[in-house]
Amino acid sequence: MLMFDPKRKTHGSAFNQALERLRILMADMEAVQAGLDPASLAGEPPLLNRWALTWRPAQCLTGHSTGHPLLPGGEREIITSDLQLLSRDGCWARTSSRWYRLGEPNDAQPMFVSRPQH
């Protein structure tokens, strides 16, 4: 997850590196969709022996959603997909699937960003 400032155009090298990484991933996905062989895309990839599928936790948000396009209803409790961006002012979040406008934070969990009055 990256922090960003909605009032600034530039967000630093970590933001730019993550953006470039996503562009490369998207290009690879489009190439696979077009039928290209991964061997032609990968260059000299490392070999992973004794591999297995596994899971790891990822940052996400939980809260009460209103106006979600796939989860109808007001104040419906949800857990979002992986959190990718969070504005420093605590007003916006971008998950893997969509943007969220952030309302009031959960009082039980301290916020690590200062929030302006809306």
PDB file of N, CA and C in Angstrom:
ATOM      1  N   MET A   1       0.850  -1.163   0.000  1.00  0.00           N
ATOM      2  CA  MET A   1       0.000   0.000   0.000  1.00  0.00           C
ATOM      3  C   MET A   1       0.896   1.225   0.000  1.00  0.00           C
ATOM      4  N   LEU A   2       0.555   2.195  -0.812  1.00  0.00           N
ATOM      5  CA  LEU A   2       1.303   3.440  -0.910  1.00  0.00           C
ATOM      6  C   LEU A   2       0.473   4.587  -0.358  1.00  0.00           C
ATOM      7  N   MET A   3       1.134   5.514   0.281  1.00  0.00           N
ATOM      8  CA  MET A   3       0.476   6.736   0.732  1.00  0.00           C
ATOM      9  C   MET A   3       0.619   7.784  -0.374  1.00  0.00           C
ATOM     10  N   PHE A   4      -0.414   8.608  -0.557  1.00  0.00           N
ATOM     11  CA  PHE A   4      -0.327   9.685  -1.533  1.00  0.00           C
ATOM     12  C   PHE A   4      -0.988  10.924  -0.969  1.00  0.00           C
ATOM     13  N   ASP A   5      -0.617  12.055  -1.531  1.00  0.00           N
ATOM     14  CA  ASP A   5      -1.176  13.340  -1.130  1.00  0.00           C
ATOM     15  C   ASP A   5      -2.037  13.843  -2.282  1.00  0.00           C
ATOM     16  N   PRO A   6      -3.366  13.926  -2.114  1.00  0.00           N
ATOM     17  CA  PRO A   6      -4.231  14.328  -3.216  1.00  0.00           C
ATOM     18  C   PRO A   6      -4.002  15.764  -3.692  1.00  0.00           C
ATOM     19  N   LYS A   7      -3.217  16.538  -2.957  1.00  0.00           N
ATOM     20  CA  LYS A   7      -2.964  17.928  -3.348  1.00  0.00           C
ATOM     21  C   LYS A   7      -1.661  18.087  -4.127  1.00  0.00           C
ATOM     22  N   ARG A   8      -0.921  16.999  -4.318  1.00  0.00           N
ATOM     23  CA  ARG A   8       0.373  17.073  -5.010  1.00  0.00           C
ATOM     24  C   ARG A   8       0.359  16.222  -6.268  1.00  0.00           C
ATOM     25  N   LYS A   9       1.131  16.637  -7.266  1.00  0.00           N
ATOM     26  CA  LYS A   9       1.248  15.870  -8.501  1.00  0.00           C
ATOM     27  C   LYS A   9       2.287  14.759  -8.385  1.00  0.00           C
ATOM     28  N   THR A  10       3.362  14.992  -7.678  1.00  0.00           N
ATOM     29  CA  THR A  10       4.409  13.991  -7.561  1.00  0.00           C
ATOM     30  C   THR A  10       4.331  13.317  -6.199  1.00  0.00           C
ATOM     31  N   HIS A  11       4.691  12.039  -6.179  1.00  0.00           N
ATOM     32  CA  HIS A  11       4.535  11.259  -4.960  1.00  0.00           C
ATOM     33  C   HIS A  11       5.793  10.490  -4.579  1.00  0.00           C
ATOM     34  N   GLY A  12       6.920  10.766  -5.194  1.00  0.00           N
ATOM     35  CA  GLY A  12       8.170  10.150  -4.792  1.00  0.00           C
ATOM     36  C   GLY A  12       8.522   8.894  -5.558  1.00  0.00           C
ATOM     37  N   SER A  13       9.731   8.432  -5.313  1.00  0.00           N
ATOM     38  CA  SER A  13      10.265   7.310  -6.077  1.00  0.00           C
ATOM     39  C   SER A  13       9.546   5.996  -5.785  1.00  0.00           C
ATOM     40  N   ALA A  14       9.113   5.742  -4.545  1.00  0.00           N
ATOM     41  CA  ALA A  14       8.407   4.495  -4.246  1.00  0.00           C
ATOM     42  C   ALA A  14       7.109   4.411  -5.045  1.00  0.00           C
ATOM     43  N   PHE A  15       6.389   5.520  -5.154  1.00  0.00           N
ATOM     44  CA  PHE A  15       5.156   5.563  -5.929  1.00  0.00           C
ATOM     45  C   PHE A  15       5.454   5.274  -7.401  1.00  0.00           C
ATOM     46  N   ASN A  16       6.496   5.931  -7.938  1.00  0.00           N
ATOM     47  CA  ASN A  16       6.857   5.734  -9.343  1.00  0.00           C
ATOM     48  C   ASN A  16       7.313   4.309  -9.618  1.00  0.00           C
ATOM     49  N   GLN A  17       8.053   3.716  -8.697  1.00  0.00           N
ATOM     50  CA  GLN A  17       8.495   2.333  -8.875  1.00  0.00           C
ATOM     51  C   GLN A  17       7.311   1.369  -8.879  1.00  0.00           C
ATOM     52  N   ALA A  18       6.373   1.577  -7.968  1.00  0.00           N
ATOM     53  CA  ALA A  18       5.192   0.714  -7.924  1.00  0.00           C
ATOM     54  C   ALA A  18       4.356   0.869  -9.187  1.00  0.00           C
ATOM     55  N   LEU A  19       4.230   2.087  -9.681  1.00  0.00           N
ATOM     56  CA  LEU A  19       3.480   2.338 -10.908  1.00  0.00           C
ATOM     57  C   LEU A  19       4.125   1.633 -12.095  1.00  0.00           C
ATOM     58  N   GLU A  20       5.441   1.717 -12.202  1.00  0.00           N
ATOM     59  CA  GLU A  20       6.147   1.052 -13.304  1.00  0.00           C
ATOM     60  C   GLU A  20       5.998  -0.463 -13.203  1.00  0.00           C
ATOM     61  N   ARG A  21       6.047  -0.977 -12.003  1.00  0.00           N
ATOM     62  CA  ARG A  21       5.890  -2.418 -11.800  1.00  0.00           C
ATOM     63  C   ARG A  21       4.506  -2.882 -12.267  1.00  0.00           C
ATOM     64  N   LEU A  22       3.482  -2.097 -11.960  1.00  0.00           N
ATOM     65  CA  LEU A  22       2.128  -2.435 -12.403  1.00  0.00           C
ATOM     66  C   LEU A  22       1.987  -2.327 -13.915  1.00  0.00           C
ATOM     67  N   ARG A  23       2.660  -1.357 -14.530  1.00  0.00           N
ATOM     68  CA  ARG A  23       2.624  -1.236 -15.995  1.00  0.00           C
ATOM     69  C   ARG A  23       3.226  -2.471 -16.656  1.00  0.00           C
ATOM     70  N   ILE A  24       4.335  -2.945 -16.101  1.00  0.00           N
ATOM     71  CA  ILE A  24       4.989  -4.142 -16.651  1.00  0.00           C
ATOM     72  C   ILE A  24       4.084  -5.360 -16.481  1.00  0.00           C
ATOM     73  N   LEU A  25       3.463  -5.498 -15.302  1.00  0.00           N
ATOM     74  CA  LEU A  25       2.532  -6.599 -15.070  1.00  0.00           C
ATOM     75  C   LEU A  25       1.383  -6.551 -16.073  1.00  0.00           C
ATOM     76  N   MET A  26       0.819  -5.360 -16.286  1.00  0.00           N
ATOM     77  CA  MET A  26      -0.283  -5.223 -17.222  1.00  0.00           C
ATOM     78  C   MET A  26       0.151  -5.607 -18.641  1.00  0.00           C
ATOM     79  N   ALA A  27       1.332  -5.185 -19.047  1.00  0.00           N
ATOM     80  CA  ALA A  27       1.837  -5.540 -20.380  1.00  0.00           C
ATOM     81  C   ALA A  27       2.003  -7.054 -20.511  1.00  0.00           C
ATOM     82  N   ASP A  28       2.521  -7.701 -19.465  1.00  0.00           N
ATOM     83  CA  ASP A  28       2.661  -9.159 -19.500  1.00  0.00           C
ATOM     84  C   ASP A  28       1.299  -9.842 -19.581  1.00  0.00           C
ATOM     85  N   MET A  29       0.331  -9.349 -18.824  1.00  0.00           N
ATOM     86  CA  MET A  29      -1.004  -9.943 -18.853  1.00  0.00           C
ATOM     87  C   MET A  29      -1.637  -9.800 -20.238  1.00  0.00           C
ATOM     88  N   GLU A  30      -1.458  -8.638 -20.859  1.00  0.00           N
ATOM     89  CA  GLU A  30      -1.990  -8.429 -22.205  1.00  0.00           C
ATOM     90  C   GLU A  30      -1.303  -9.343 -23.210  1.00  0.00           C
ATOM     91  N   ALA A  31       0.000  -9.565 -23.049  1.00  0.00           N
ATOM     92  CA  ALA A  31       0.730 -10.454 -23.950  1.00  0.00           C
ATOM     93  C   ALA A  31       0.248 -11.899 -23.804  1.00  0.00           C
ATOM     94  N   VAL A  32       0.030 -12.341 -22.568  1.00  0.00           N
ATOM     95  CA  VAL A  32      -0.484 -13.693 -22.342  1.00  0.00           C
ATOM     96  C   VAL A  32      -1.887 -13.819 -22.919  1.00  0.00           C
ATOM     97  N   GLN A  33      -2.701 -12.786 -22.744  1.00  0.00           N
ATOM     98  CA  GLN A  33      -4.051 -12.797 -23.305  1.00  0.00           C
ATOM     99  C   GLN A  33      -4.009 -12.910 -24.828  1.00  0.00           C
ATOM    100  N   ALA A  34      -2.989 -12.306 -25.434  1.00  0.00           N
ATOM    101  CA  ALA A  34      -2.848 -12.336 -26.891  1.00  0.00           C
ATOM    102  C   ALA A  34      -2.249 -13.657 -27.385  1.00  0.00           C
ATOM    103  N   GLY A  35      -1.870 -14.542 -26.458  1.00  0.00           N
ATOM    104  CA  GLY A  35      -1.384 -15.857 -26.860  1.00  0.00           C
ATOM    105  C   GLY A  35       0.124 -16.021 -26.868  1.00  0.00           C
ATOM    106  N   LEU A  36       0.869 -15.045 -26.389  1.00  0.00           N
ATOM    107  CA  LEU A  36       2.324 -15.184 -26.355  1.00  0.00           C
ATOM    108  C   LEU A  36       2.737 -16.191 -25.291  1.00  0.00           C
ATOM    109  N   ASP A  37       3.806 -16.917 -25.588  1.00  0.00           N
ATOM    110  CA  ASP A  37       4.357 -17.906 -24.674  1.00  0.00           C
ATOM    111  C   ASP A  37       5.137 -17.184 -23.581  1.00  0.00           C
ATOM    112  N   PRO A  38       4.908 -17.524 -22.299  1.00  0.00           N
ATOM    113  CA  PRO A  38       5.662 -16.882 -21.222  1.00  0.00           C
ATOM    114  C   PRO A  38       7.178 -16.976 -21.411  1.00  0.00           C
ATOM    115  N   ALA A  39       7.669 -18.029 -22.059  1.00  0.00           N
ATOM    116  CA  ALA A  39       9.112 -18.161 -22.282  1.00  0.00           C
ATOM    117  C   ALA A  39       9.650 -17.006 -23.114  1.00  0.00           C
ATOM    118  N   SER A  40       8.807 -16.442 -23.977  1.00  0.00           N
ATOM    119  CA  SER A  40       9.253 -15.316 -24.800  1.00  0.00           C
ATOM    120  C   SER A  40       9.190 -13.992 -24.043  1.00  0.00           C
ATOM    121  N   LEU A  41       8.518 -13.968 -22.911  1.00  0.00           N
ATOM    122  CA  LEU A  41       8.343 -12.741 -22.130  1.00  0.00           C
ATOM    123  C   LEU A  41       9.291 -12.654 -20.943  1.00  0.00           C
ATOM    124  N   ALA A  42       9.702 -13.791 -20.421  1.00  0.00           N
ATOM    125  CA  ALA A  42      10.339 -13.833 -19.113  1.00  0.00           C
ATOM    126  C   ALA A  42      11.831 -13.547 -19.108  1.00  0.00           C
ATOM    127  N   GLY A  43      12.500 -13.541 -20.231  1.00  0.00           N
ATOM    128  CA  GLY A  43      13.945 -13.339 -20.231  1.00  0.00           C
ATOM    129  C   GLY A  43      14.622 -14.548 -19.612  1.00  0.00           C
ATOM    130  N   GLU A  44      15.397 -14.346 -18.548  1.00  0.00           N
ATOM    131  CA  GLU A  44      16.037 -15.440 -17.819  1.00  0.00           C
ATOM    132  C   GLU A  44      15.494 -15.470 -16.395  1.00  0.00           C
ATOM    133  N   PRO A  45      14.316 -16.053 -16.210  1.00  0.00           N
ATOM    134  CA  PRO A  45      13.693 -16.029 -14.886  1.00  0.00           C
ATOM    135  C   PRO A  45      14.367 -17.003 -13.927  1.00  0.00           C
ATOM    136  N   PRO A  46      14.284 -16.753 -12.623  1.00  0.00           N
ATOM    137  CA  PRO A  46      14.806 -17.715 -11.656  1.00  0.00           C
ATOM    138  C   PRO A  46      13.945 -18.979 -11.657  1.00  0.00           C
ATOM    139  N   LEU A  47      14.539 -20.082 -11.239  1.00  0.00           N
ATOM    140  CA  LEU A  47      13.839 -21.353 -11.112  1.00  0.00           C
ATOM    141  C   LEU A  47      13.374 -21.506  -9.679  1.00  0.00           C
ATOM    142  N   LEU A  48      12.131 -21.905  -9.481  1.00  0.00           N
ATOM    143  CA  LEU A  48      11.562 -22.120  -8.153  1.00  0.00           C
ATOM    144  C   LEU A  48      11.250 -23.598  -8.013  1.00  0.00           C
ATOM    145  N   ASN A  49      12.076 -24.325  -7.247  1.00  0.00           N
ATOM    146  CA  ASN A  49      11.870 -25.752  -6.996  1.00  0.00           C
ATOM    147  C   ASN A  49      11.076 -25.951  -5.724  1.00  0.00           C
ATOM    148  N   ARG A  50      10.473 -27.125  -5.612  1.00  0.00           N
ATOM    149  CA  ARG A  50       9.695 -27.507  -4.432  1.00  0.00           C
ATOM    150  C   ARG A  50       8.646 -26.443  -4.086  1.00  0.00           C
ATOM    151  N   TRP A  51       8.053 -25.869  -5.106  1.00  0.00           N
ATOM    152  CA  TRP A  51       7.115 -24.780  -4.901  1.00  0.00           C
ATOM    153  C   TRP A  51       5.747 -25.311  -4.493  1.00  0.00           C
ATOM    154  N   ALA A  52       4.984 -24.479  -3.849  1.00  0.00           N
ATOM    155  CA  ALA A  52       3.623 -24.789  -3.432  1.00  0.00           C
ATOM    156  C   ALA A  52       2.836 -23.490  -3.376  1.00  0.00           C
ATOM    157  N   LEU A  53       1.560 -23.605  -3.565  1.00  0.00           N
ATOM    158  CA  LEU A  53       0.690 -22.453  -3.393  1.00  0.00           C
ATOM    159  C   LEU A  53       0.541 -22.178  -1.907  1.00  0.00           C
ATOM    160  N   THR A  54       0.477 -20.927  -1.548  1.00  0.00           N
ATOM    161  CA  THR A  54       0.297 -20.542  -0.157  1.00  0.00           C
ATOM    162  C   THR A  54      -0.441 -19.222  -0.103  1.00  0.00           C
ATOM    163  N   TRP A  55      -0.718 -18.736   1.077  1.00  0.00           N
ATOM    164  CA  TRP A  55      -1.413 -17.468   1.269  1.00  0.00           C
ATOM    165  C   TRP A  55      -0.624 -16.600   2.225  1.00  0.00           C
ATOM    166  N   ARG A  56      -0.743 -15.319   2.057  1.00  0.00           N
ATOM    167  CA  ARG A  56      -0.162 -14.392   3.017  1.00  0.00           C
ATOM    168  C   ARG A  56      -1.146 -13.246   3.199  1.00  0.00           C
ATOM    169  N   PRO A  57      -1.138 -12.653   4.360  1.00  0.00           N
ATOM    170  CA  PRO A  57      -2.072 -11.541   4.560  1.00  0.00           C
ATOM    171  C   PRO A  57      -1.648 -10.312   3.761  1.00  0.00           C
ATOM    172  N   ALA A  58      -2.626  -9.539   3.393  1.00  0.00           N
ATOM    173  CA  ALA A  58      -2.384  -8.277   2.699  1.00  0.00           C
ATOM    174  C   ALA A  58      -3.191  -7.190   3.386  1.00  0.00           C
ATOM    175  N   GLN A  59      -2.690  -5.963   3.361  1.00  0.00           N
ATOM    176  CA  GLN A  59      -3.446  -4.859   3.943  1.00  0.00           C
ATOM    177  C   GLN A  59      -4.728  -4.643   3.170  1.00  0.00           C
ATOM    178  N   CYS A  60      -5.794  -4.395   3.906  1.00  0.00           N
ATOM    179  CA  CYS A  60      -7.091  -4.106   3.303  1.00  0.00           C
ATOM    180  C   CYS A  60      -7.838  -3.205   4.277  1.00  0.00           C
ATOM    181  N   LEU A  61      -9.039  -2.863   3.945  1.00  0.00           N
ATOM    182  CA  LEU A  61      -9.885  -2.059   4.825  1.00  0.00           C
ATOM    183  C   LEU A  61     -11.121  -2.860   5.199  1.00  0.00           C
ATOM    184  N   THR A  62     -11.664  -2.576   6.325  1.00  0.00           N
ATOM    185  CA  THR A  62     -12.957  -3.112   6.724  1.00  0.00           C
ATOM    186  C   THR A  62     -13.806  -1.931   7.164  1.00  0.00           C
ATOM    187  N   GLY A  63     -15.092  -2.030   6.981  1.00  0.00           N
ATOM    188  CA  GLY A  63     -15.962  -0.944   7.378  1.00  0.00           C
ATOM    189  C   GLY A  63     -17.375  -1.182   6.885  1.00  0.00           C
ATOM    190  N   HIS A  64     -18.185  -0.171   6.999  1.00  0.00           N
ATOM    191  CA  HIS A  64     -19.585  -0.243   6.601  1.00  0.00           C
ATOM    192  C   HIS A  64     -19.753   0.523   5.294  1.00  0.00           C
ATOM    193  N   SER A  65     -20.100  -0.194   4.240  1.00  0.00           N
ATOM    194  CA  SER A  65     -20.167   0.372   2.894  1.00  0.00           C
ATOM    195  C   SER A  65     -21.590   0.759   2.524  1.00  0.00           C
ATOM    196  N   THR A  66     -21.694   1.874   1.832  1.00  0.00           N
ATOM    197  CA  THR A  66     -22.957   2.319   1.251  1.00  0.00           C
ATOM    198  C   THR A  66     -22.680   2.709  -0.191  1.00  0.00           C
ATOM    199  N   GLY A  67     -23.475   2.208  -1.126  1.00  0.00           N
ATOM    200  CA  GLY A  67     -23.313   2.556  -2.526  1.00  0.00           C
ATOM    201  C   GLY A  67     -22.330   1.681  -3.278  1.00  0.00           C
ATOM    202  N   HIS A  68     -21.959   0.539  -2.734  1.00  0.00           N
ATOM    203  CA  HIS A  68     -21.034  -0.369  -3.419  1.00  0.00           C
ATOM    204  C   HIS A  68     -21.748  -0.993  -4.608  1.00  0.00           C
ATOM    205  N   PRO A  69     -21.102  -1.042  -5.794  1.00  0.00           N
ATOM    206  CA  PRO A  69     -21.802  -1.544  -6.978  1.00  0.00           C
ATOM    207  C   PRO A  69     -22.113  -3.039  -6.942  1.00  0.00           C
ATOM    208  N   LEU A  70     -21.359  -3.827  -6.194  1.00  0.00           N
ATOM    209  CA  LEU A  70     -21.592  -5.267  -6.152  1.00  0.00           C
ATOM    210  C   LEU A  70     -22.190  -5.753  -4.829  1.00  0.00           C
ATOM    211  N   LEU A  71     -22.110  -4.923  -3.798  1.00  0.00           N
ATOM    212  CA  LEU A  71     -22.617  -5.297  -2.472  1.00  0.00           C
ATOM    213  C   LEU A  71     -23.649  -4.269  -2.046  1.00  0.00           C
ATOM    214  N   PRO A  72     -24.886  -4.437  -2.493  1.00  0.00           N
ATOM    215  CA  PRO A  72     -25.904  -3.409  -2.265  1.00  0.00           C
ATOM    216  C   PRO A  72     -26.300  -3.278  -0.800  1.00  0.00           C
ATOM    217  N   GLY A  73     -26.927  -2.174  -0.509  1.00  0.00           N
ATOM    218  CA  GLY A  73     -27.427  -1.913   0.836  1.00  0.00           C
ATOM    219  C   GLY A  73     -26.650  -0.790   1.485  1.00  0.00           C
ATOM    220  N   GLY A  74     -27.202  -0.262   2.543  1.00  0.00           N
ATOM    221  CA  GLY A  74     -26.555   0.803   3.281  1.00  0.00           C
ATOM    222  C   GLY A  74     -25.890   0.274   4.530  1.00  0.00           C
ATOM    223  N   GLU A  75     -24.728   0.802   4.829  1.00  0.00           N
ATOM    224  CA  GLU A  75     -23.997   0.420   6.033  1.00  0.00           C
ATOM    225  C   GLU A  75     -23.760  -1.090   6.108  1.00  0.00           C
ATOM    226  N   ARG A  76     -23.462  -1.686   4.940  1.00  0.00           N
ATOM    227  CA  ARG A  76     -23.183  -3.123   4.886  1.00  0.00           C
ATOM    228  C   ARG A  76     -21.730  -3.357   5.269  1.00  0.00           C
ATOM    229  N   GLU A  77     -21.484  -4.243   6.238  1.00  0.00           N
ATOM    230  CA  GLU A  77     -20.120  -4.507   6.684  1.00  0.00           C
ATOM    231  C   GLU A  77     -19.381  -5.318   5.623  1.00  0.00           C
ATOM    232  N   ILE A  78     -18.203  -4.809   5.222  1.00  0.00           N
ATOM    233  CA  ILE A  78     -17.422  -5.465   4.173  1.00  0.00           C
ATOM    234  C   ILE A  78     -15.946  -5.499   4.568  1.00  0.00           C
ATOM    235  N   ILE A  79     -15.209  -6.313   3.853  1.00  0.00           N
ATOM    236  CA  ILE A  79     -13.745  -6.295   3.849  1.00  0.00           C
ATOM    237  C   ILE A  79     -13.346  -6.068   2.404  1.00  0.00           C
ATOM    238  N   THR A  80     -12.486  -5.103   2.157  1.00  0.00           N
ATOM    239  CA  THR A  80     -12.117  -4.753   0.785  1.00  0.00           C
ATOM    240  C   THR A  80     -11.068  -5.715   0.230  1.00  0.00           C
ATOM    241  N   SER A  81     -10.820  -5.594  -1.056  1.00  0.00           N
ATOM    242  CA  SER A  81      -9.677  -6.271  -1.657  1.00  0.00           C
ATOM    243  C   SER A  81      -8.398  -5.570  -1.171  1.00  0.00           C
ATOM    244  N   ASP A  82      -7.254  -6.040  -1.612  1.00  0.00           N
ATOM    245  CA  ASP A  82      -5.971  -5.505  -1.146  1.00  0.00           C
ATOM    246  C   ASP A  82      -5.902  -3.991  -1.297  1.00  0.00           C
ATOM    247  N   LEU A  83      -5.452  -3.338  -0.240  1.00  0.00           N
ATOM    248  CA  LEU A  83      -5.302  -1.890  -0.242  1.00  0.00           C
ATOM    249  C   LEU A  83      -4.049  -1.503  -1.019  1.00  0.00           C
ATOM    250  N   GLN A  84      -4.203  -0.627  -2.007  1.00  0.00           N
ATOM    251  CA  GLN A  84      -3.086  -0.196  -2.840  1.00  0.00           C
ATOM    252  C   GLN A  84      -2.661   1.237  -2.550  1.00  0.00           C
ATOM    253  N   LEU A  85      -3.624   2.129  -2.336  1.00  0.00           N
ATOM    254  CA  LEU A  85      -3.339   3.543  -2.088  1.00  0.00           C
ATOM    255  C   LEU A  85      -4.191   4.052  -0.933  1.00  0.00           C
ATOM    256  N   LEU A  86      -3.605   4.929  -0.126  1.00  0.00           N
ATOM    257  CA  LEU A  86      -4.342   5.592   0.948  1.00  0.00           C
ATOM    258  C   LEU A  86      -3.871   7.033   1.002  1.00  0.00           C
ATOM    259  N   SER A  87      -4.815   7.980   0.896  1.00  0.00           N
ATOM    260  CA  SER A  87      -4.415   9.387   0.931  1.00  0.00           C
ATOM    261  C   SER A  87      -3.950   9.753   2.330  1.00  0.00           C
ATOM    262  N   ARG A  88      -2.948  10.609   2.405  1.00  0.00           N
ATOM    263  CA  ARG A  88      -2.409  11.021   3.703  1.00  0.00           C
ATOM    264  C   ARG A  88      -3.460  11.729   4.556  1.00  0.00           C
ATOM    265  N   ASP A  89      -4.441  12.345   3.903  1.00  0.00           N
ATOM    266  CA  ASP A  89      -5.480  13.034   4.674  1.00  0.00           C
ATOM    267  C   ASP A  89      -6.587  12.089   5.136  1.00  0.00           C
ATOM    268  N   GLY A  90      -6.487  10.806   4.787  1.00  0.00           N
ATOM    269  CA  GLY A  90      -7.458   9.829   5.247  1.00  0.00           C
ATOM    270  C   GLY A  90      -8.826   9.936   4.607  1.00  0.00           C
ATOM    271  N   CYS A  91      -8.912  10.565   3.434  1.00  0.00           N
ATOM    272  CA  CYS A  91     -10.202  10.751   2.771  1.00  0.00           C
ATOM    273  C   CYS A  91     -10.433   9.785   1.604  1.00  0.00           C
ATOM    274  N   TRP A  92      -9.367   9.212   1.048  1.00  0.00           N
ATOM    275  CA  TRP A  92      -9.477   8.359  -0.134  1.00  0.00           C
ATOM    276  C   TRP A  92      -8.661   7.090   0.029  1.00  0.00           C
ATOM    277  N   ALA A  93      -9.170   5.984  -0.541  1.00  0.00           N
ATOM    278  CA  ALA A  93      -8.431   4.728  -0.584  1.00  0.00           C
ATOM    279  C   ALA A  93      -8.690   4.074  -1.933  1.00  0.00           C
ATOM    280  N   ARG A  94      -7.644   3.436  -2.481  1.00  0.00           N
ATOM    281  CA  ARG A  94      -7.791   2.675  -3.723  1.00  0.00           C
ATOM    282  C   ARG A  94      -7.389   1.240  -3.420  1.00  0.00           C
ATOM    283  N   THR A  95      -8.319   0.318  -3.596  1.00  0.00           N
ATOM    284  CA  THR A  95      -8.012  -1.094  -3.435  1.00  0.00           C
ATOM    285  C   THR A  95      -7.709  -1.674  -4.809  1.00  0.00           C
ATOM    286  N   SER A  96      -7.452  -2.956  -4.864  1.00  0.00           N
ATOM    287  CA  SER A  96      -7.182  -3.592  -6.150  1.00  0.00           C
ATOM    288  C   SER A  96      -8.362  -3.475  -7.100  1.00  0.00           C
ATOM    289  N   SER A  97      -9.564  -3.333  -6.553  1.00  0.00           N
ATOM    290  CA  SER A  97     -10.733  -3.329  -7.426  1.00  0.00           C
ATOM    291  C   SER A  97     -11.426  -1.987  -7.606  1.00  0.00           C
ATOM    292  N   ARG A  98     -11.272  -1.042  -6.650  1.00  0.00           N
ATOM    293  CA  ARG A  98     -12.012   0.211  -6.800  1.00  0.00           C
ATOM    294  C   ARG A  98     -11.521   1.277  -5.825  1.00  0.00           C
ATOM    295  N   TRP A  99     -11.996   2.512  -6.055  1.00  0.00           N
ATOM    296  CA  TRP A  99     -11.784   3.629  -5.133  1.00  0.00           C
ATOM    297  C   TRP A  99     -12.848   3.592  -4.054  1.00  0.00           C
ATOM    298  N   TYR A 100     -12.494   4.101  -2.874  1.00  0.00           N
ATOM    299  CA  TYR A 100     -13.434   4.317  -1.782  1.00  0.00           C
ATOM    300  C   TYR A 100     -13.254   5.733  -1.256  1.00  0.00           C
ATOM    301  N   ARG A 101     -14.371   6.412  -1.001  1.00  0.00           N
ATOM    302  CA  ARG A 101     -14.343   7.645  -0.226  1.00  0.00           C
ATOM    303  C   ARG A 101     -14.376   7.196   1.225  1.00  0.00           C
ATOM    304  N   LEU A 102     -13.522   7.729   2.042  1.00  0.00           N
ATOM    305  CA  LEU A 102     -13.469   7.298   3.439  1.00  0.00           C
ATOM    306  C   LEU A 102     -14.232   8.274   4.314  1.00  0.00           C
ATOM    307  N   GLY A 103     -15.126   7.737   5.099  1.00  0.00           N
ATOM    308  CA  GLY A 103     -15.873   8.541   6.052  1.00  0.00           C
ATOM    309  C   GLY A 103     -15.141   8.555   7.380  1.00  0.00           C
ATOM    310  N   GLU A 104     -15.896   8.472   8.441  1.00  0.00           N
ATOM    311  CA  GLU A 104     -15.308   8.501   9.774  1.00  0.00           C
ATOM    312  C   GLU A 104     -14.595   7.185  10.059  1.00  0.00           C
ATOM    313  N   PRO A 105     -13.406   7.246  10.665  1.00  0.00           N
ATOM    314  CA  PRO A 105     -12.695   6.015  11.006  1.00  0.00           C
ATOM    315  C   PRO A 105     -13.331   5.330  12.212  1.00  0.00           C
ATOM    316  N   ASN A 106     -13.007   4.066  12.379  1.00  0.00           N
ATOM    317  CA  ASN A 106     -13.442   3.311  13.542  1.00  0.00           C
ATOM    318  C   ASN A 106     -12.737   3.872  14.765  1.00  0.00           C
ATOM    319  N   ASP A 107     -13.479   4.306  15.758  1.00  0.00           N
ATOM    320  CA  ASP A 107     -12.892   4.897  16.956  1.00  0.00           C
ATOM    321  C   ASP A 107     -12.038   3.915  17.738  1.00  0.00           C
ATOM    322  N   ALA A 108     -12.297   2.614  17.583  1.00  0.00           N
ATOM    323  CA  ALA A 108     -11.550   1.610  18.341  1.00  0.00           C
ATOM    324  C   ALA A 108     -10.126   1.434  17.818  1.00  0.00           C
ATOM    325  N   GLN A 109      -9.866   1.874  16.594  1.00  0.00           N
ATOM    326  CA  GLN A 109      -8.529   1.730  16.005  1.00  0.00           C
ATOM    327  C   GLN A 109      -7.971   3.110  15.712  1.00  0.00           C
ATOM    328  N   PRO A 110      -6.845   3.471  16.315  1.00  0.00           N
ATOM    329  CA  PRO A 110      -6.289   4.805  16.057  1.00  0.00           C
ATOM    330  C   PRO A 110      -5.838   4.950  14.608  1.00  0.00           C
ATOM    331  N   MET A 111      -6.121   6.092  14.046  1.00  0.00           N
ATOM    332  CA  MET A 111      -5.666   6.392  12.684  1.00  0.00           C
ATOM    333  C   MET A 111      -4.223   6.851  12.729  1.00  0.00           C
ATOM    334  N   PHE A 112      -3.462   6.500  11.706  1.00  0.00           N
ATOM    335  CA  PHE A 112      -2.065   6.924  11.662  1.00  0.00           C
ATOM    336  C   PHE A 112      -1.884   8.141  10.787  1.00  0.00           C
ATOM    337  N   VAL A 113      -2.994   8.680  10.278  1.00  0.00           N
ATOM    338  CA  VAL A 113      -2.927   9.906   9.486  1.00  0.00           C
ATOM    339  C   VAL A 113      -3.863  10.915  10.119  1.00  0.00           C
ATOM    340  N   SER A 114      -3.540  12.181   9.956  1.00  0.00           N
ATOM    341  CA  SER A 114      -4.454  13.210  10.459  1.00  0.00           C
ATOM    342  C   SER A 114      -5.571  13.415   9.456  1.00  0.00           C
ATOM    343  N   ARG A 115      -6.751  13.647   9.948  1.00  0.00           N
ATOM    344  CA  ARG A 115      -7.929  13.792   9.076  1.00  0.00           C
ATOM    345  C   ARG A 115      -8.447  15.218   9.158  1.00  0.00           C
ATOM    346  N   PRO A 116      -8.713  15.819   7.998  1.00  0.00           N
ATOM    347  CA  PRO A 116      -9.332  17.144   8.017  1.00  0.00           C
ATOM    348  C   PRO A 116     -10.813  17.007   8.326  1.00  0.00           C
ATOM    349  N   GLN A 117     -11.431  18.085   8.751  1.00  0.00           N
ATOM    350  CA  GLN A 117     -12.877  18.085   8.947  1.00  0.00           C
ATOM    351  C   GLN A 117     -13.556  18.143   7.574  1.00  0.00           C
ATOM    352  N   HIS A 118     -14.521  17.285   7.326  1.00  0.00           N
ATOM    353  CA  HIS A 118     -15.222  17.250   6.028  1.00  0.00           C
ATOM    354  C   HIS A 118     -16.331  18.250   6.011  1.00  0.00           C
TER     355      HIS A 118
END
